[in-house]
N, C-alpha and C. Protein backbone atom coordinates (compact mmCIF):
# COMPACT_ATOMS: atom_id res chain seq x y z
N MET A 1 135.73 10.91 133.09
CA MET A 1 134.60 11.60 132.81
C MET A 1 134.32 12.72 133.91
N SER A 2 133.91 13.88 133.38
CA SER A 2 133.75 15.18 134.22
C SER A 2 132.52 15.03 134.90
N LEU A 3 132.53 16.01 135.96
CA LEU A 3 131.17 16.07 136.60
C LEU A 3 130.09 16.59 135.73
N CYS A 4 130.34 17.52 134.77
CA CYS A 4 129.24 17.97 133.93
C CYS A 4 128.81 16.76 133.13
N GLN A 5 129.64 15.93 132.60
CA GLN A 5 129.21 14.85 131.80
C GLN A 5 128.37 13.92 132.57
N LYS A 6 128.73 13.56 133.82
CA LYS A 6 127.87 12.69 134.70
C LYS A 6 126.47 13.33 134.95
N ARG A 7 126.48 14.76 135.11
CA ARG A 7 125.18 15.34 135.40
C ARG A 7 124.25 15.37 134.11
N ARG A 8 124.91 15.50 132.94
CA ARG A 8 124.27 15.58 131.59
C ARG A 8 123.57 14.24 131.46
N ASP A 9 124.36 13.11 131.63
CA ASP A 9 124.06 11.79 131.54
C ASP A 9 122.79 11.54 132.43
N PHE A 10 122.91 11.94 133.67
CA PHE A 10 121.75 11.70 134.73
C PHE A 10 120.52 12.51 134.21
N ILE A 11 120.54 13.77 133.82
CA ILE A 11 119.51 14.40 133.28
C ILE A 11 118.80 13.76 132.16
N GLY A 12 119.70 13.35 131.25
CA GLY A 12 119.12 12.54 130.16
C GLY A 12 118.39 11.21 130.50
N LEU A 13 118.95 10.51 131.38
CA LEU A 13 118.17 9.20 131.85
C LEU A 13 117.00 9.64 132.50
N ALA A 14 117.06 10.60 133.43
CA ALA A 14 115.89 10.96 134.17
C ALA A 14 114.76 11.44 133.04
N LEU A 15 115.00 12.39 132.17
CA LEU A 15 114.11 12.78 131.25
C LEU A 15 113.58 11.70 130.40
N GLY A 16 114.44 10.64 130.03
CA GLY A 16 113.91 9.51 129.33
C GLY A 16 112.99 8.53 130.17
N GLY A 17 113.19 8.44 131.55
CA GLY A 17 112.46 7.82 132.27
C GLY A 17 111.09 8.37 132.36
N ILE A 18 111.05 9.73 132.69
CA ILE A 18 109.89 10.48 132.81
C ILE A 18 108.96 10.40 131.48
N THR A 19 109.61 10.55 130.26
CA THR A 19 109.01 10.32 129.08
C THR A 19 108.42 8.84 128.91
N ALA A 20 109.13 8.11 129.29
CA ALA A 20 108.52 6.45 129.18
C ALA A 20 107.39 6.41 130.03
N VAL A 21 107.29 6.83 131.27
CA VAL A 21 106.29 6.71 132.19
C VAL A 21 105.05 7.51 131.61
N GLY A 22 105.22 8.63 131.21
CA GLY A 22 104.32 9.34 130.54
C GLY A 22 103.60 8.77 129.24
N GLY A 23 104.50 8.12 128.46
CA GLY A 23 103.96 7.34 127.30
C GLY A 23 103.21 6.22 127.71
N VAL A 24 103.50 5.51 128.81
CA VAL A 24 102.82 4.42 129.12
C VAL A 24 101.42 4.78 129.72
N LEU A 25 101.27 5.96 130.46
CA LEU A 25 100.11 6.48 130.91
C LEU A 25 99.23 6.93 129.83
N ALA A 26 99.90 7.57 128.80
CA ALA A 26 98.99 8.05 127.68
C ALA A 26 98.45 6.76 126.80
N LEU A 27 99.23 5.72 126.77
CA LEU A 27 98.58 4.57 126.07
C LEU A 27 97.44 3.82 126.86
N GLY A 28 97.72 3.96 128.27
CA GLY A 28 96.62 3.41 129.07
C GLY A 28 95.37 4.21 128.87
N ALA A 29 95.42 5.47 128.88
CA ALA A 29 94.31 6.40 128.64
C ALA A 29 93.69 6.03 127.34
N MET A 30 94.57 6.02 126.21
CA MET A 30 93.96 5.64 125.01
C MET A 30 93.16 4.33 124.91
N LYS A 31 93.74 3.24 125.57
CA LYS A 31 93.05 1.99 125.57
C LYS A 31 91.67 2.17 126.35
N GLN A 32 91.52 2.94 127.26
CA GLN A 32 90.25 3.21 127.91
C GLN A 32 89.15 3.79 127.00
N THR A 33 89.71 4.58 126.21
CA THR A 33 88.77 5.11 125.17
C THR A 33 88.29 4.24 124.14
N TRP A 34 89.04 3.18 123.88
CA TRP A 34 88.78 2.14 122.99
C TRP A 34 87.86 1.01 123.57
N ASP A 35 87.83 0.95 124.91
CA ASP A 35 86.95 -0.05 125.57
C ASP A 35 85.50 0.36 125.45
N PRO A 36 84.59 -0.38 125.27
CA PRO A 36 83.12 -0.05 125.11
C PRO A 36 82.75 0.48 126.55
N LEU A 37 81.79 1.33 126.51
CA LEU A 37 81.13 1.95 127.71
C LEU A 37 80.30 0.75 128.30
N PRO A 38 80.11 0.85 129.61
CA PRO A 38 79.23 -0.09 130.35
C PRO A 38 77.88 -0.27 129.74
N SER A 39 77.32 0.91 129.38
CA SER A 39 76.01 0.88 128.63
C SER A 39 76.08 0.13 127.28
N VAL A 40 77.15 0.15 126.74
CA VAL A 40 77.33 -0.53 125.48
C VAL A 40 77.44 -2.20 125.68
N GLN A 41 78.23 -2.35 126.83
CA GLN A 41 78.49 -3.82 127.05
C GLN A 41 77.18 -4.51 127.38
N SER A 42 76.28 -3.64 128.20
CA SER A 42 75.05 -4.30 128.58
C SER A 42 74.11 -4.60 127.42
N ALA A 43 74.43 -3.92 126.27
CA ALA A 43 73.74 -4.26 125.13
C ALA A 43 74.01 -5.57 124.37
N GLY A 44 75.02 -6.14 124.90
CA GLY A 44 75.60 -7.33 124.26
C GLY A 44 74.86 -8.62 124.73
N PHE A 45 75.52 -9.52 125.06
CA PHE A 45 74.93 -10.71 125.48
C PHE A 45 74.84 -10.84 127.06
N VAL A 46 73.84 -11.23 127.69
CA VAL A 46 73.61 -11.48 129.09
C VAL A 46 73.23 -12.89 129.41
N THR A 47 74.00 -13.53 130.30
CA THR A 47 73.73 -14.91 130.60
C THR A 47 73.03 -15.15 131.98
N VAL A 48 71.95 -15.85 131.93
CA VAL A 48 71.28 -15.91 133.11
C VAL A 48 71.07 -17.41 133.52
N ASP A 49 71.56 -17.70 134.79
CA ASP A 49 71.39 -19.13 135.23
C ASP A 49 69.96 -19.25 135.74
N LEU A 50 69.11 -20.18 135.07
CA LEU A 50 67.79 -20.51 135.34
C LEU A 50 67.57 -21.55 136.48
N SER A 51 68.63 -22.26 136.87
CA SER A 51 68.41 -23.39 137.83
C SER A 51 68.02 -22.87 139.14
N PRO A 52 68.31 -21.73 139.75
CA PRO A 52 67.95 -21.36 141.12
C PRO A 52 66.42 -20.93 141.11
N LEU A 53 65.76 -20.62 139.89
CA LEU A 53 64.41 -20.17 139.95
C LEU A 53 63.48 -21.21 140.31
N ALA A 54 62.54 -20.85 141.46
CA ALA A 54 61.64 -21.72 141.93
C ALA A 54 60.36 -21.73 141.22
N GLU A 55 59.47 -22.76 141.20
CA GLU A 55 58.33 -22.71 140.51
C GLU A 55 57.44 -21.43 140.83
N GLY A 56 56.88 -20.77 139.86
CA GLY A 56 56.10 -19.62 140.03
C GLY A 56 56.96 -18.27 140.21
N GLU A 57 58.24 -18.47 140.37
CA GLU A 57 59.15 -17.27 140.82
C GLU A 57 59.26 -16.56 139.43
N MET A 58 59.29 -15.07 139.49
CA MET A 58 59.59 -14.26 138.38
C MET A 58 60.64 -13.43 138.62
N ARG A 59 61.70 -13.44 137.77
CA ARG A 59 62.84 -12.50 138.02
C ARG A 59 62.91 -11.49 136.74
N THR A 60 63.20 -10.22 137.23
CA THR A 60 63.30 -9.11 136.13
C THR A 60 64.83 -8.74 136.16
N LEU A 61 65.22 -8.66 134.88
CA LEU A 61 66.51 -8.09 134.74
C LEU A 61 66.55 -7.04 133.50
N GLN A 62 67.72 -6.34 133.39
CA GLN A 62 67.62 -5.39 132.26
C GLN A 62 68.60 -5.82 131.23
N TRP A 63 68.18 -5.69 130.03
CA TRP A 63 68.94 -6.03 128.75
C TRP A 63 68.63 -4.93 127.66
N ARG A 64 69.68 -4.39 127.27
CA ARG A 64 69.57 -3.32 126.18
C ARG A 64 68.49 -2.22 126.61
N GLY A 65 68.58 -1.88 127.85
CA GLY A 65 67.79 -0.86 128.34
C GLY A 65 66.28 -1.27 128.58
N LYS A 66 66.07 -2.43 128.42
CA LYS A 66 64.57 -2.83 128.48
C LYS A 66 64.56 -3.92 129.63
N PRO A 67 63.33 -3.88 130.29
CA PRO A 67 63.13 -4.98 131.36
C PRO A 67 62.82 -6.37 130.72
N ILE A 68 63.45 -7.38 131.24
CA ILE A 68 63.09 -8.65 130.73
C ILE A 68 62.53 -9.45 131.95
N PHE A 69 61.36 -10.14 131.75
CA PHE A 69 60.72 -10.87 132.59
C PHE A 69 60.90 -12.37 132.24
N ILE A 70 61.47 -12.90 133.34
CA ILE A 70 61.71 -14.47 133.21
C ILE A 70 60.86 -15.18 134.35
N LEU A 71 59.86 -15.93 133.94
CA LEU A 71 58.93 -16.54 134.86
C LEU A 71 59.03 -18.17 134.66
N ARG A 72 59.24 -18.84 135.78
CA ARG A 72 59.23 -20.21 135.84
C ARG A 72 57.88 -20.64 135.98
N LYS A 73 57.24 -21.29 135.00
CA LYS A 73 55.94 -21.78 135.13
C LYS A 73 55.68 -22.92 136.06
N THR A 74 54.55 -22.76 136.67
CA THR A 74 53.99 -23.96 137.59
C THR A 74 53.10 -24.87 136.75
N ALA A 75 52.93 -26.07 137.24
CA ALA A 75 52.23 -27.14 136.63
C ALA A 75 50.88 -26.65 136.30
N ASP A 76 50.30 -25.78 137.06
CA ASP A 76 48.87 -25.38 136.65
C ASP A 76 48.75 -24.15 135.91
N MET A 77 49.93 -23.58 135.43
CA MET A 77 49.79 -22.54 134.37
C MET A 77 49.72 -23.22 132.94
N LYS A 78 48.84 -22.50 132.15
CA LYS A 78 48.68 -23.08 130.83
C LYS A 78 49.84 -23.12 129.85
N LYS A 79 50.22 -24.11 129.32
CA LYS A 79 51.45 -24.29 128.41
C LYS A 79 51.05 -23.67 127.06
N ASN A 80 51.96 -22.84 126.47
CA ASN A 80 51.82 -22.29 125.37
C ASN A 80 53.06 -22.83 124.56
N GLU A 81 52.85 -23.62 123.45
CA GLU A 81 53.95 -24.33 122.66
C GLU A 81 54.61 -23.10 121.76
N LYS A 82 53.89 -22.05 121.53
CA LYS A 82 54.41 -21.18 120.58
C LYS A 82 55.14 -19.91 121.24
N ARG A 83 55.09 -19.94 122.75
CA ARG A 83 55.78 -18.96 123.44
C ARG A 83 56.70 -19.43 124.49
N ASP A 84 56.33 -20.72 125.03
CA ASP A 84 57.18 -21.04 126.20
C ASP A 84 58.57 -21.43 125.86
N VAL A 85 59.45 -21.21 126.85
CA VAL A 85 61.00 -21.55 126.57
C VAL A 85 61.09 -22.80 127.48
N VAL A 86 61.75 -23.81 126.96
CA VAL A 86 61.96 -24.98 127.75
C VAL A 86 63.49 -25.05 127.97
N ALA A 87 63.97 -25.21 129.22
CA ALA A 87 65.34 -25.45 129.64
C ALA A 87 65.40 -26.44 130.78
N GLY A 88 66.05 -27.46 130.48
CA GLY A 88 66.18 -28.45 131.46
C GLY A 88 64.87 -29.08 131.92
N ASN A 89 64.04 -29.28 130.95
CA ASN A 89 62.61 -29.89 131.29
C ASN A 89 61.71 -29.14 132.02
N LYS A 90 61.98 -27.83 132.16
CA LYS A 90 61.14 -26.85 132.85
C LYS A 90 60.74 -25.72 131.89
N ASP A 91 59.48 -25.31 132.09
CA ASP A 91 59.01 -24.24 131.12
C ASP A 91 59.24 -22.90 131.73
N TYR A 92 59.45 -22.03 130.98
CA TYR A 92 59.60 -20.64 131.36
C TYR A 92 58.96 -19.64 130.37
N THR A 93 58.64 -18.53 130.84
CA THR A 93 58.13 -17.41 129.99
C THR A 93 59.32 -16.47 129.92
N VAL A 94 59.84 -16.01 128.79
CA VAL A 94 60.94 -14.91 128.64
C VAL A 94 60.31 -13.97 127.74
N ILE A 95 60.14 -12.76 128.27
CA ILE A 95 59.50 -11.71 127.47
C ILE A 95 60.10 -10.31 127.71
N ILE A 96 59.99 -9.43 126.69
CA ILE A 96 60.41 -8.08 127.07
C ILE A 96 59.23 -7.53 127.78
N GLY A 97 59.58 -6.99 129.20
CA GLY A 97 58.49 -6.48 129.97
C GLY A 97 57.89 -5.16 129.69
N LEU A 98 57.48 -4.96 128.36
CA LEU A 98 56.91 -3.65 127.97
C LEU A 98 55.53 -4.03 127.41
N CYS A 99 54.41 -3.34 127.88
CA CYS A 99 53.16 -3.34 127.17
C CYS A 99 53.26 -2.96 125.91
N THR A 100 52.60 -3.71 124.92
CA THR A 100 52.55 -3.41 123.55
C THR A 100 51.50 -2.35 123.11
N HIS A 101 50.88 -1.64 124.08
CA HIS A 101 49.99 -0.68 123.99
C HIS A 101 50.76 0.74 123.78
N LEU A 102 51.41 1.11 124.95
CA LEU A 102 52.21 2.29 124.95
C LEU A 102 53.56 2.16 125.52
N GLY A 103 54.01 0.92 125.88
CA GLY A 103 55.33 0.88 126.49
C GLY A 103 55.44 0.93 127.95
N CYS A 104 54.41 0.88 128.61
CA CYS A 104 54.43 0.89 130.08
C CYS A 104 54.96 -0.62 130.74
N ILE A 105 55.42 -0.51 131.77
CA ILE A 105 55.95 -1.89 132.36
C ILE A 105 54.91 -2.43 133.11
N PRO A 106 54.33 -3.56 132.79
CA PRO A 106 53.32 -4.37 133.62
C PRO A 106 53.91 -4.86 134.72
N SER A 107 53.15 -5.26 135.82
CA SER A 107 53.54 -5.97 136.92
C SER A 107 52.89 -7.32 136.92
N TRP A 108 53.67 -8.20 137.57
CA TRP A 108 53.18 -9.65 137.64
C TRP A 108 52.37 -9.84 138.97
N VAL A 109 51.23 -10.37 138.89
CA VAL A 109 50.26 -10.58 139.83
C VAL A 109 50.04 -12.13 140.19
N PRO A 110 50.84 -12.58 141.11
CA PRO A 110 50.96 -14.13 141.36
C PRO A 110 49.63 -14.65 141.58
N ALA A 111 48.65 -13.89 142.35
CA ALA A 111 47.36 -14.38 142.67
C ALA A 111 46.58 -14.79 141.40
N THR A 112 46.73 -13.93 140.48
CA THR A 112 45.70 -14.17 139.20
C THR A 112 46.64 -14.76 138.00
N LYS A 113 47.89 -14.96 138.35
CA LYS A 113 48.83 -15.38 137.36
C LYS A 113 48.68 -14.63 135.93
N GLN A 114 48.74 -13.22 136.09
CA GLN A 114 48.69 -12.36 135.08
C GLN A 114 49.71 -11.25 135.18
N PHE A 115 50.06 -10.76 134.04
CA PHE A 115 50.70 -9.41 134.05
C PHE A 115 49.65 -8.43 133.83
N LYS A 116 49.70 -7.26 134.72
CA LYS A 116 48.76 -6.31 134.55
C LYS A 116 49.49 -4.92 134.36
N CYS A 117 48.97 -4.20 133.39
CA CYS A 117 49.45 -2.87 133.00
C CYS A 117 48.73 -1.82 133.64
N ALA A 118 49.18 -1.01 134.59
CA ALA A 118 48.50 0.03 135.34
C ALA A 118 48.18 1.24 134.41
N CYS A 119 48.88 1.45 133.34
CA CYS A 119 48.61 2.62 132.58
C CYS A 119 47.14 2.54 131.93
N HIS A 120 46.70 1.54 131.25
CA HIS A 120 45.32 1.52 130.57
C HIS A 120 44.68 0.25 130.83
N GLY A 121 45.03 -0.52 131.75
CA GLY A 121 44.26 -1.74 132.32
C GLY A 121 44.56 -3.02 131.30
N GLY A 122 45.66 -2.91 130.68
CA GLY A 122 45.90 -4.07 129.77
C GLY A 122 46.29 -5.29 130.70
N GLU A 123 45.89 -6.61 130.14
CA GLU A 123 46.34 -7.79 130.88
C GLU A 123 46.84 -8.77 129.95
N PHE A 124 47.90 -9.41 130.45
CA PHE A 124 48.60 -10.48 129.75
C PHE A 124 48.42 -11.66 130.54
N ASP A 125 48.46 -12.91 129.98
CA ASP A 125 48.55 -14.07 130.70
C ASP A 125 49.91 -14.48 131.03
N ALA A 126 50.09 -15.71 131.67
CA ALA A 126 51.55 -16.11 132.07
C ALA A 126 52.59 -16.28 130.97
N SER A 127 51.99 -16.39 129.63
CA SER A 127 52.92 -16.48 128.60
C SER A 127 53.14 -15.19 127.81
N GLY A 128 52.49 -14.07 128.48
CA GLY A 128 52.85 -12.81 127.82
C GLY A 128 51.81 -12.43 126.73
N VAL A 129 50.63 -13.32 126.46
CA VAL A 129 49.87 -13.08 125.53
C VAL A 129 48.74 -12.10 126.08
N ASN A 130 48.33 -11.11 125.22
CA ASN A 130 47.29 -10.03 125.69
C ASN A 130 45.99 -10.88 125.84
N THR A 131 45.28 -10.59 126.99
CA THR A 131 43.96 -11.16 127.22
C THR A 131 42.86 -10.24 127.32
N PHE A 132 43.23 -8.92 127.69
CA PHE A 132 42.23 -7.94 127.92
C PHE A 132 42.77 -6.50 127.74
N GLY A 133 41.99 -5.58 127.34
CA GLY A 133 42.31 -4.16 127.42
C GLY A 133 43.05 -3.79 125.84
N PRO A 134 43.67 -2.57 125.95
CA PRO A 134 43.99 -2.02 124.64
C PRO A 134 45.46 -2.65 123.97
N PRO A 135 46.07 -3.63 124.61
CA PRO A 135 47.25 -4.03 123.95
C PRO A 135 47.01 -4.84 122.75
N PRO A 136 47.67 -4.48 121.61
CA PRO A 136 47.26 -5.00 120.37
C PRO A 136 47.83 -6.35 120.13
N ARG A 137 48.83 -6.72 120.70
CA ARG A 137 49.53 -8.07 120.53
C ARG A 137 50.20 -8.49 121.83
N PRO A 138 50.73 -9.75 121.81
CA PRO A 138 51.46 -10.24 122.97
C PRO A 138 52.88 -9.57 123.17
N MET A 139 53.27 -9.59 124.40
CA MET A 139 54.61 -8.97 124.69
C MET A 139 55.66 -9.63 123.84
N ASP A 140 56.74 -8.88 123.53
CA ASP A 140 57.73 -9.45 122.60
C ASP A 140 58.59 -10.37 123.26
N ILE A 141 59.21 -11.39 122.47
CA ILE A 141 60.17 -12.23 123.08
C ILE A 141 61.66 -11.79 122.65
N PRO A 142 62.50 -11.64 123.55
CA PRO A 142 63.87 -11.19 123.01
C PRO A 142 64.53 -12.41 122.44
N PRO A 143 65.58 -12.05 121.78
CA PRO A 143 66.39 -13.10 121.11
C PRO A 143 67.11 -13.91 122.19
N PHE A 144 67.27 -15.17 122.15
CA PHE A 144 67.96 -15.88 123.22
C PHE A 144 68.44 -17.29 122.65
N LYS A 145 69.23 -17.82 123.47
CA LYS A 145 69.81 -19.20 123.21
C LYS A 145 69.84 -19.92 124.61
N ILE A 146 69.46 -21.17 124.53
CA ILE A 146 69.58 -22.00 125.69
C ILE A 146 70.84 -22.85 125.85
N ASP A 147 71.54 -22.67 126.78
CA ASP A 147 72.79 -23.55 127.10
C ASP A 147 72.62 -24.23 128.25
N GLY A 148 72.15 -25.43 128.23
CA GLY A 148 71.80 -26.27 129.44
C GLY A 148 70.66 -25.73 130.23
N GLU A 149 70.96 -25.15 131.33
CA GLU A 149 70.09 -24.37 132.40
C GLU A 149 70.37 -22.87 132.30
N LYS A 150 71.03 -22.41 131.25
CA LYS A 150 71.42 -21.16 131.24
C LYS A 150 70.80 -20.45 129.99
N LEU A 151 70.29 -19.18 130.18
CA LEU A 151 69.68 -18.53 129.07
C LEU A 151 70.65 -17.37 128.61
N VAL A 152 70.96 -17.29 127.24
CA VAL A 152 71.79 -16.29 126.79
C VAL A 152 70.96 -15.29 126.08
N LEU A 153 70.82 -14.10 126.51
CA LEU A 153 69.89 -13.17 125.85
C LEU A 153 70.83 -12.42 124.92
N GLY A 154 70.31 -12.13 123.75
CA GLY A 154 70.98 -11.34 122.77
C GLY A 154 71.59 -12.31 121.63
N GLU A 155 71.49 -13.62 121.76
CA GLU A 155 71.86 -14.47 120.65
C GLU A 155 70.77 -15.39 120.25
N GLU A 156 70.59 -15.46 118.91
CA GLU A 156 69.46 -16.11 118.38
C GLU A 156 69.92 -17.65 118.21
N GLY A 157 69.31 -18.40 119.33
CA GLY A 157 69.72 -19.68 119.13
C GLY A 157 68.49 -20.70 118.42
N PRO A 158 68.67 -21.86 118.30
CA PRO A 158 67.60 -22.62 117.58
C PRO A 158 66.25 -22.66 118.27
N GLU A 159 66.30 -22.54 119.54
CA GLU A 159 65.06 -22.38 120.26
C GLU A 159 64.23 -21.09 119.89
N TYR A 160 64.92 -20.02 119.85
CA TYR A 160 64.47 -18.80 119.50
C TYR A 160 63.91 -18.90 118.07
N GLN A 161 64.67 -19.34 117.23
CA GLN A 161 64.41 -19.56 115.83
C GLN A 161 63.11 -20.25 115.65
N LYS A 162 62.90 -21.40 116.42
CA LYS A 162 61.66 -22.11 116.34
C LYS A 162 60.43 -21.34 116.79
N LEU A 163 60.69 -20.57 117.93
CA LEU A 163 59.43 -19.83 118.32
C LEU A 163 59.08 -18.79 117.36
N VAL A 164 60.07 -18.13 116.62
CA VAL A 164 59.80 -17.03 115.76
C VAL A 164 59.25 -17.71 114.46
N ALA A 165 59.62 -18.88 114.08
CA ALA A 165 58.90 -19.68 112.96
C ALA A 165 57.64 -19.97 113.21
N THR A 166 57.19 -20.45 114.60
CA THR A 166 55.91 -20.87 114.64
C THR A 166 54.90 -19.67 114.82
N LYS A 167 55.46 -18.47 115.10
CA LYS A 167 54.63 -17.26 115.33
C LYS A 167 54.21 -16.76 113.98
N ALA A 168 55.01 -17.00 112.89
CA ALA A 168 54.64 -16.53 111.53
C ALA A 168 53.56 -17.25 110.81
């Protein structure tokens, strides 16, 4: 084998290797374009562990670009069979935290056990039911499923179906 033949074989192998590496990188870039964006992933299912919530504690999280309020009810808070979520023998309020008047985000006032909207003075009780002001209806309940002491937002479980059926 001559020196030119060895050089040609080396150049061919080097070119083949570079092409293979380029192909792998191109496939990796294409796969990234197929993966959903983080904003789209957050629009799917969100699992929340309810067990660490203390009585009277309220947690806010984001789901599909909307605030979700999860409140663990205390014994002195009025029970609402049509709106309360029961998980592990504990009562919770799970609502989309938007005022039904103009979409402002109400704040939780623990002293009065109410959600108050600063925009136009709307008030909601601990179950998210409108009690005063311009809001025309209670705050909405997002679709959910209960899995033990975990809440799965975005999936319509039997608990959610029951609440929706009693609302009608």
